[in-house]
Every structure is written in structure tokens, then in C-alpha cells.
C-alpha atoms as a PDB file:
ATOM      1  CA  MET A   1      92.956  27.051  98.792  1.00  0.00           C
ATOM      2  CA  ALA A   2      93.258  28.434 102.063  1.00  0.00           C
ATOM      3  CA  LEU A   3      89.990  29.959 103.512  1.00  0.00           C
ATOM      4  CA  ALA A   4      90.177  33.792 104.040  1.00  0.00           C
ATOM      5  CA  LEU A   5      90.364  34.896 107.672  1.00  0.00           C
ATOM      6  CA  ASN A   6      88.008  37.923 107.362  1.00  0.00           C
ATOM      7  CA  VAL A   7      85.103  38.314 104.497  1.00  0.00           C
ATOM      8  CA  PHE A   8      83.020  41.433 104.339  1.00  0.00           C
ATOM      9  CA  LYS A   9      79.716  41.022 102.882  1.00  0.00           C
ATOM     10  CA  THR A  10      76.457  43.330 102.239  1.00  0.00           C
ATOM     11  CA  ILE A  11      73.437  41.785 101.288  1.00  0.00           C
ATOM     12  CA  THR A  12      70.419  43.925  99.749  1.00  0.00           C
ATOM     13  CA  LYS A  13      67.076  42.718  99.398  1.00  0.00           C
ATOM     14  CA  VAL A  14      63.516  44.053  98.745  1.00  0.00           C
ATOM     15  CA  VAL A  15      61.743  42.841 101.633  1.00  0.00           C
ATOM     16  CA  PRO A  16      58.967  40.459 100.873  1.00  0.00           C
ATOM     17  CA  THR A  17      55.455  39.909 102.711  1.00  0.00           C
ATOM     18  CA  SER A  18      56.380  36.175 103.192  1.00  0.00           C
ATOM     19  CA  PRO A  19      59.879  35.315 105.948  1.00  0.00           C
ATOM     20  CA  VAL A  20      62.800  34.871 103.579  1.00  0.00           C
ATOM     21  CA  GLY A  21      66.088  34.050 104.644  1.00  0.00           C
ATOM     22  CA  ILE A  22      68.431  36.587 103.583  1.00  0.00           C
ATOM     23  CA  TYR A  23      71.985  35.519 105.194  1.00  0.00           C
ATOM     24  CA  THR A  24      73.021  32.262 106.438  1.00  0.00           C
ATOM     25  CA  SER A  25      76.387  32.189 108.405  1.00  0.00           C
ATOM     26  CA  PRO A  26      78.548  29.789 106.461  1.00  0.00           C
ATOM     27  CA  THR A  27      79.929  26.498 107.846  1.00  0.00           C
ATOM     28  CA  GLY A  28      82.889  26.930 109.547  1.00  0.00           C
ATOM     29  CA  TYR A  29      82.737  31.217 110.068  1.00  0.00           C
ATOM     30  CA  THR A  30      81.035  33.039 112.874  1.00  0.00           C
ATOM     31  CA  GLY A  31      79.302  35.992 111.269  1.00  0.00           C
ATOM     32  CA  VAL A  32      79.055  39.403 112.700  1.00  0.00           C
ATOM     33  CA  VAL A  33      76.287  41.590 111.633  1.00  0.00           C
ATOM     34  CA  LEU A  34      77.617  45.221 111.595  1.00  0.00           C
ATOM     35  CA  LEU A  35      74.789  46.931 110.735  1.00  0.00           C
ATOM     36  CA  ALA A  36      71.185  45.938 109.707  1.00  0.00           C
ATOM     37  CA  GLN A  37      69.013  48.928 108.151  1.00  0.00           C
ATOM     38  CA  CYS A  38      65.501  49.026 106.311  1.00  0.00           C
ATOM     39  CA  THR A  39      64.343  51.978 104.335  1.00  0.00           C
ATOM     40  CA  ASN A  40      60.701  52.646 103.413  1.00  0.00           C
ATOM     41  CA  ILE A  41      60.646  54.293 100.104  1.00  0.00           C
ATOM     42  CA  GLY A  42      56.940  54.810  99.842  1.00  0.00           C
ATOM     43  CA  THR A  43      54.940  57.733 101.347  1.00  0.00           C
ATOM     44  CA  THR A  44      52.840  55.421 103.866  1.00  0.00           C
ATOM     45  CA  SER A  45      54.053  53.885 106.906  1.00  0.00           C
ATOM     46  CA  GLN A  46      55.052  49.751 106.717  1.00  0.00           C
ATOM     47  CA  ASP A  47      55.969  47.147 109.378  1.00  0.00           C
ATOM     48  CA  ILE A  48      59.178  44.990 108.981  1.00  0.00           C
ATOM     49  CA  THR A  49      59.778  41.728 111.103  1.00  0.00           C
ATOM     50  CA  PHE A  50      63.227  40.690 111.759  1.00  0.00           C
ATOM     51  CA  SER A  51      64.195  37.456 112.978  1.00  0.00           C
ATOM     52  CA  HIS A  52      67.273  35.268 113.773  1.00  0.00           C
ATOM     53  CA  ASN A  53      67.003  31.358 113.129  1.00  0.00           C
ATOM     54  CA  ARG A  54      69.144  28.532 114.655  1.00  0.00           C
ATOM     55  CA  THR A  55      68.624  24.939 114.425  1.00  0.00           C
ATOM     56  CA  ASN A  56      68.928  23.680 118.321  1.00  0.00           C
ATOM     57  CA  SER A  57      70.938  20.067 118.702  1.00  0.00           C
ATOM     58  CA  VAL A  58      67.642  18.079 118.198  1.00  0.00           C
ATOM     59  CA  GLY A  59      67.130  19.368 114.852  1.00  0.00           C
ATOM     60  CA  VAL A  60      64.091  21.818 115.399  1.00  0.00           C
ATOM     61  CA  ALA A  61      64.289  25.339 114.071  1.00  0.00           C
ATOM     62  CA  VAL A  62      64.218  28.172 116.861  1.00  0.00           C
ATOM     63  CA  THR A  63      62.927  31.564 115.877  1.00  0.00           C
ATOM     64  CA  THR A  64      64.082  34.412 118.030  1.00  0.00           C
ATOM     65  CA  ARG A  65      62.430  38.101 116.733  1.00  0.00           C
ATOM     66  CA  ILE A  66      64.693  40.826 117.003  1.00  0.00           C
ATOM     67  CA  LEU A  67      61.663  43.079 115.874  1.00  0.00           C
ATOM     68  CA  LYS A  68      57.998  42.250 115.100  1.00  0.00           C
ATOM     69  CA  ASN A  69      55.845  44.823 113.091  1.00  0.00           C
ATOM     70  CA  PHE A  70      58.118  47.491 113.576  1.00  0.00           C
ATOM     71  CA  PRO A  71      56.756  50.671 111.622  1.00  0.00           C
ATOM     72  CA  ILE A  72      58.649  52.749 109.680  1.00  0.00           C
ATOM     73  CA  SER A  73      57.368  55.799 108.327  1.00  0.00           C
ATOM     74  CA  GLY A  74      56.999  56.529 104.652  1.00  0.00           C
ATOM     75  CA  ASN A  75      60.466  57.922 103.217  1.00  0.00           C
ATOM     76  CA  ASP A  76      62.267  56.920 106.373  1.00  0.00           C
ATOM     77  CA  THR A  77      64.972  54.519 107.645  1.00  0.00           C
ATOM     78  CA  ALA A  78      65.223  52.425 110.437  1.00  0.00           C
ATOM     79  CA  ASN A  79      68.478  50.808 112.089  1.00  0.00           C
ATOM     80  CA  LEU A  80      67.134  47.306 113.074  1.00  0.00           C
ATOM     81  CA  LEU A  81      70.087  46.837 115.357  1.00  0.00           C
ATOM     82  CA  SER A  82      71.495  48.700 118.470  1.00  0.00           C
ATOM     83  CA  GLY A  83      74.428  46.773 118.487  1.00  0.00           C
ATOM     84  CA  LYS A  84      76.410  44.035 116.641  1.00  0.00           C
ATOM     85  CA  LEU A  85      74.875  40.501 116.423  1.00  0.00           C
ATOM     86  CA  VAL A  86      77.059  37.178 116.094  1.00  0.00           C
ATOM     87  CA  LEU A  87      75.884  34.458 114.340  1.00  0.00           C
ATOM     88  CA  GLU A  88      77.225  30.954 114.385  1.00  0.00           C
ATOM     89  CA  SER A  89      77.642  28.750 111.532  1.00  0.00           C
ATOM     90  CA  GLY A  90      74.049  27.713 109.880  1.00  0.00           C
ATOM     91  CA  ASP A  91      72.344  30.787 111.686  1.00  0.00           C
ATOM     92  CA  VAL A  92      69.789  32.326 109.382  1.00  0.00           C
ATOM     93  CA  LEU A  93      68.592  36.186 109.237  1.00  0.00           C
ATOM     94  CA  VAL A  94      65.095  36.528 108.122  1.00  0.00           C
ATOM     95  CA  VAL A  95      63.024  39.431 106.910  1.00  0.00           C
ATOM     96  CA  SER A  96      59.405  40.099 106.046  1.00  0.00           C
ATOM     97  CA  GLY A  97      57.406  43.035 105.627  1.00  0.00           C
ATOM     98  CA  SER A  98      53.828  44.721 105.071  1.00  0.00           C
ATOM     99  CA  HIS A  99      54.706  45.610 101.807  1.00  0.00           C
ATOM    100  CA  SER A 100      56.098  43.597  98.820  1.00  0.00           C
ATOM    101  CA  THR A 101      58.093  46.638  97.354  1.00  0.00           C
ATOM    102  CA  ASN A 102      58.763  49.349  99.556  1.00  0.00           C
ATOM    103  CA  LEU A 103      60.890  48.057 102.051  1.00  0.00           C
ATOM    104  CA  GLU A 104      64.704  48.127 101.105  1.00  0.00           C
ATOM    105  CA  PHE A 105      67.028  45.981 103.169  1.00  0.00           C
ATOM    106  CA  ILE A 106      70.575  45.964 103.732  1.00  0.00           C
ATOM    107  CA  VAL A 107      73.023  44.129 106.063  1.00  0.00           C
ATOM    108  CA  SER A 108      76.687  44.648 106.412  1.00  0.00           C
ATOM    109  CA  VAL A 109      78.630  41.389 107.959  1.00  0.00           C
ATOM    110  CA  LEU A 110      81.758  40.252 108.792  1.00  0.00           C
ATOM    111  CA  GLU A 111      82.561  36.650 108.371  1.00  0.00           C
ATOM    112  CA  THR A 112      85.531  35.641 110.643  1.00  0.00           C
ATOM    113  CA  LEU A 113      87.103  31.826 110.251  1.00  0.00           C
ATOM    114  CA  ASN A 114      86.532  29.667 113.194  1.00  0.00           C
END
């Protein structure tokens, strides 16, 4: 069976307080993050950390923080990327927040066959 040339995915998650991988670019595909947003459904400000993880050629995980402890006001939404982000096979998007139920994350990814 042939692999699809392009696959669109939308991933949603309630942001936990401990870092968790929300999306991993699959083998054989490049992921292009089209949108990454987080909504604070609570009434007080909460913080989000949004990172990119890649394992380098010697097997060491390298974390690059896109946002660290970024505040989102109560009942507000933040766009976490100002442009697109290209993910190589195996790259992981990781999120964590300051509250375990009030931060809702959504990411839209285009997976394109290498």
C-alpha cells in the first residue's frame, strides 16, 4: 500500500503541568506546523511552555524552547507560533503549563512524504 503524499492532522490536548510530547513527526515524513494555539479557559493568568525536541546524531535529546512560562490571561487565547515550523522525522512538540485543567492546546500539522 502506498503512503499518502500529504496528511493533515489536528491534535488537541489539555496541557498538563509536567512536560508531555503532544506530537511526533513520523518516520518518512516532514511535519509542517501550520498553527499552534493555547486557550486559557480559567479566569486567572496561566503560563505555558512550548518546546521542540530533537535527538541529535549521538543520541542526545536537544530541547529548544519556543516559549517558556508564557503568560496567557484568563479567558484569552495565544498564538504560539508567528509562522510555520518544520519538523524532521522523529522531532517532538512538547507542552507544559502552570495549571492542569485550564489550558487547552491545539496544533494543526501538515505531514508531507519525504
